[in-house]
Amino acid sequence: MRSRTPTPHPEPLRSAWYRQPIAWLGVVVLAASLAGCVWLIVLGLQHADEPVATDGVIFKVPTTRSAPAQP
């Protein structure tokens, strides 16, 4: 006597995830984004961040603490 439960059919190879062009496009975009981030970090490390010359005030905010008030 045959079993009444259906046997699962294997997924056809045409619909496997690695056969989808959009999946590979996503992988390429992700890899390019990560490579760009690494490149910008390396580029930033090669150039010194020189301090900006100011006269003690930046955007109307003093850069040093004022003297404490006398009691």
C-alpha atoms as a PDB file:
ATOM      1  CA  MET A   1       0.000   0.000   0.000  1.00  0.00           C
ATOM      2  CA  ARG A   2       1.338   3.423  -0.941  1.00  0.00           C
ATOM      3  CA  SER A   3       1.724   6.252   1.534  1.00  0.00           C
ATOM      4  CA  ARG A   4      -0.782   9.090   1.245  1.00  0.00           C
ATOM      5  CA  THR A   5       1.659  11.783   2.350  1.00  0.00           C
ATOM      6  CA  PRO A   6       3.181  13.604  -0.608  1.00  0.00           C
ATOM      7  CA  THR A   7       6.912  13.401  -0.953  1.00  0.00           C
ATOM      8  CA  PRO A   8       8.622  16.774  -1.059  1.00  0.00           C
ATOM      9  CA  HIS A   9      10.001  17.651  -4.443  1.00  0.00           C
ATOM     10  CA  PRO A  10      13.496  19.078  -4.515  1.00  0.00           C
ATOM     11  CA  GLU A  11      13.814  22.713  -5.523  1.00  0.00           C
ATOM     12  CA  PRO A  12      14.557  23.086  -9.221  1.00  0.00           C
ATOM     13  CA  LEU A  13      18.056  24.332  -9.966  1.00  0.00           C
ATOM     14  CA  ARG A  14      16.732  27.243 -12.025  1.00  0.00           C
ATOM     15  CA  SER A  15      15.215  28.920  -8.979  1.00  0.00           C
ATOM     16  CA  ALA A  16      18.182  28.506  -6.639  1.00  0.00           C
ATOM     17  CA  TRP A  17      19.329  31.769  -5.059  1.00  0.00           C
ATOM     18  CA  TYR A  18      22.743  31.708  -6.738  1.00  0.00           C
ATOM     19  CA  ARG A  19      21.096  31.630 -10.176  1.00  0.00           C
ATOM     20  CA  GLN A  20      19.294  34.948  -9.595  1.00  0.00           C
ATOM     21  CA  PRO A  21      21.042  37.973 -11.163  1.00  0.00           C
ATOM     22  CA  ILE A  22      19.557  40.382  -8.615  1.00  0.00           C
ATOM     23  CA  ALA A  23      21.258  38.465  -5.787  1.00  0.00           C
ATOM     24  CA  TRP A  24      24.634  38.829  -7.500  1.00  0.00           C
ATOM     25  CA  LEU A  25      23.969  42.509  -8.152  1.00  0.00           C
ATOM     26  CA  GLY A  26      23.314  42.957  -4.432  1.00  0.00           C
ATOM     27  CA  VAL A  27      26.535  41.133  -3.577  1.00  0.00           C
ATOM     28  CA  VAL A  28      28.517  43.331  -5.985  1.00  0.00           C
ATOM     29  CA  VAL A  29      26.975  46.550  -4.609  1.00  0.00           C
ATOM     30  CA  LEU A  30      27.691  45.454  -1.018  1.00  0.00           C
ATOM     31  CA  ALA A  31      31.297  44.547  -1.854  1.00  0.00           C
ATOM     32  CA  ALA A  32      31.826  47.873  -3.661  1.00  0.00           C
ATOM     33  CA  SER A  33      30.401  49.783  -0.700  1.00  0.00           C
ATOM     34  CA  LEU A  34      32.673  48.005   1.760  1.00  0.00           C
ATOM     35  CA  ALA A  35      35.687  48.513  -0.494  1.00  0.00           C
ATOM     36  CA  GLY A  36      34.859  52.221  -0.759  1.00  0.00           C
ATOM     37  CA  CYS A  37      34.622  52.527   3.029  1.00  0.00           C
ATOM     38  CA  VAL A  38      37.988  50.838   3.503  1.00  0.00           C
ATOM     39  CA  TRP A  39      39.533  53.035   0.798  1.00  0.00           C
ATOM     40  CA  LEU A  40      38.235  56.232   2.463  1.00  0.00           C
ATOM     41  CA  ILE A  41      39.562  55.127   5.863  1.00  0.00           C
ATOM     42  CA  VAL A  42      42.994  54.394   4.399  1.00  0.00           C
ATOM     43  CA  LEU A  43      42.972  57.692   2.516  1.00  0.00           C
ATOM     44  CA  GLY A  44      41.984  59.552   5.692  1.00  0.00           C
ATOM     45  CA  LEU A  45      44.814  57.962   7.659  1.00  0.00           C
ATOM     46  CA  GLN A  46      47.387  59.165   5.134  1.00  0.00           C
ATOM     47  CA  HIS A  47      46.502  62.851   5.492  1.00  0.00           C
ATOM     48  CA  ALA A  48      47.030  64.824   8.676  1.00  0.00           C
ATOM     49  CA  ASP A  49      44.111  66.694  10.174  1.00  0.00           C
ATOM     50  CA  GLU A  50      45.682  70.088  10.827  1.00  0.00           C
ATOM     51  CA  PRO A  51      44.107  72.255  13.534  1.00  0.00           C
ATOM     52  CA  VAL A  52      42.269  75.391  12.484  1.00  0.00           C
ATOM     53  CA  ALA A  53      43.746  78.663  13.716  1.00  0.00           C
ATOM     54  CA  THR A  54      41.224  80.423  15.962  1.00  0.00           C
ATOM     55  CA  ASP A  55      41.280  83.392  18.302  1.00  0.00           C
ATOM     56  CA  GLY A  56      39.682  81.504  21.201  1.00  0.00           C
ATOM     57  CA  VAL A  57      36.093  81.504  19.931  1.00  0.00           C
ATOM     58  CA  ILE A  58      34.424  79.100  17.488  1.00  0.00           C
ATOM     59  CA  PHE A  59      30.803  79.774  16.453  1.00  0.00           C
ATOM     60  CA  LYS A  60      30.549  82.312  19.294  1.00  0.00           C
ATOM     61  CA  VAL A  61      31.486  79.631  21.859  1.00  0.00           C
ATOM     62  CA  PRO A  62      34.684  80.084  23.884  1.00  0.00           C
ATOM     63  CA  THR A  63      37.238  77.314  23.480  1.00  0.00           C
ATOM     64  CA  THR A  64      38.697  77.688  26.980  1.00  0.00           C
ATOM     65  CA  ARG A  65      37.133  77.775  30.413  1.00  0.00           C
ATOM     66  CA  SER A  66      36.668  81.105  32.051  1.00  0.00           C
ATOM     67  CA  ALA A  67      38.224  81.824  35.437  1.00  0.00           C
ATOM     68  CA  PRO A  68      36.142  80.609  38.364  1.00  0.00           C
ATOM     69  CA  ALA A  69      34.040  83.256  40.101  1.00  0.00           C
ATOM     70  CA  GLN A  70      35.490  84.687  43.327  1.00  0.00           C
ATOM     71  CA  PRO A  71      33.261  84.021  46.375  1.00  0.00           C
END
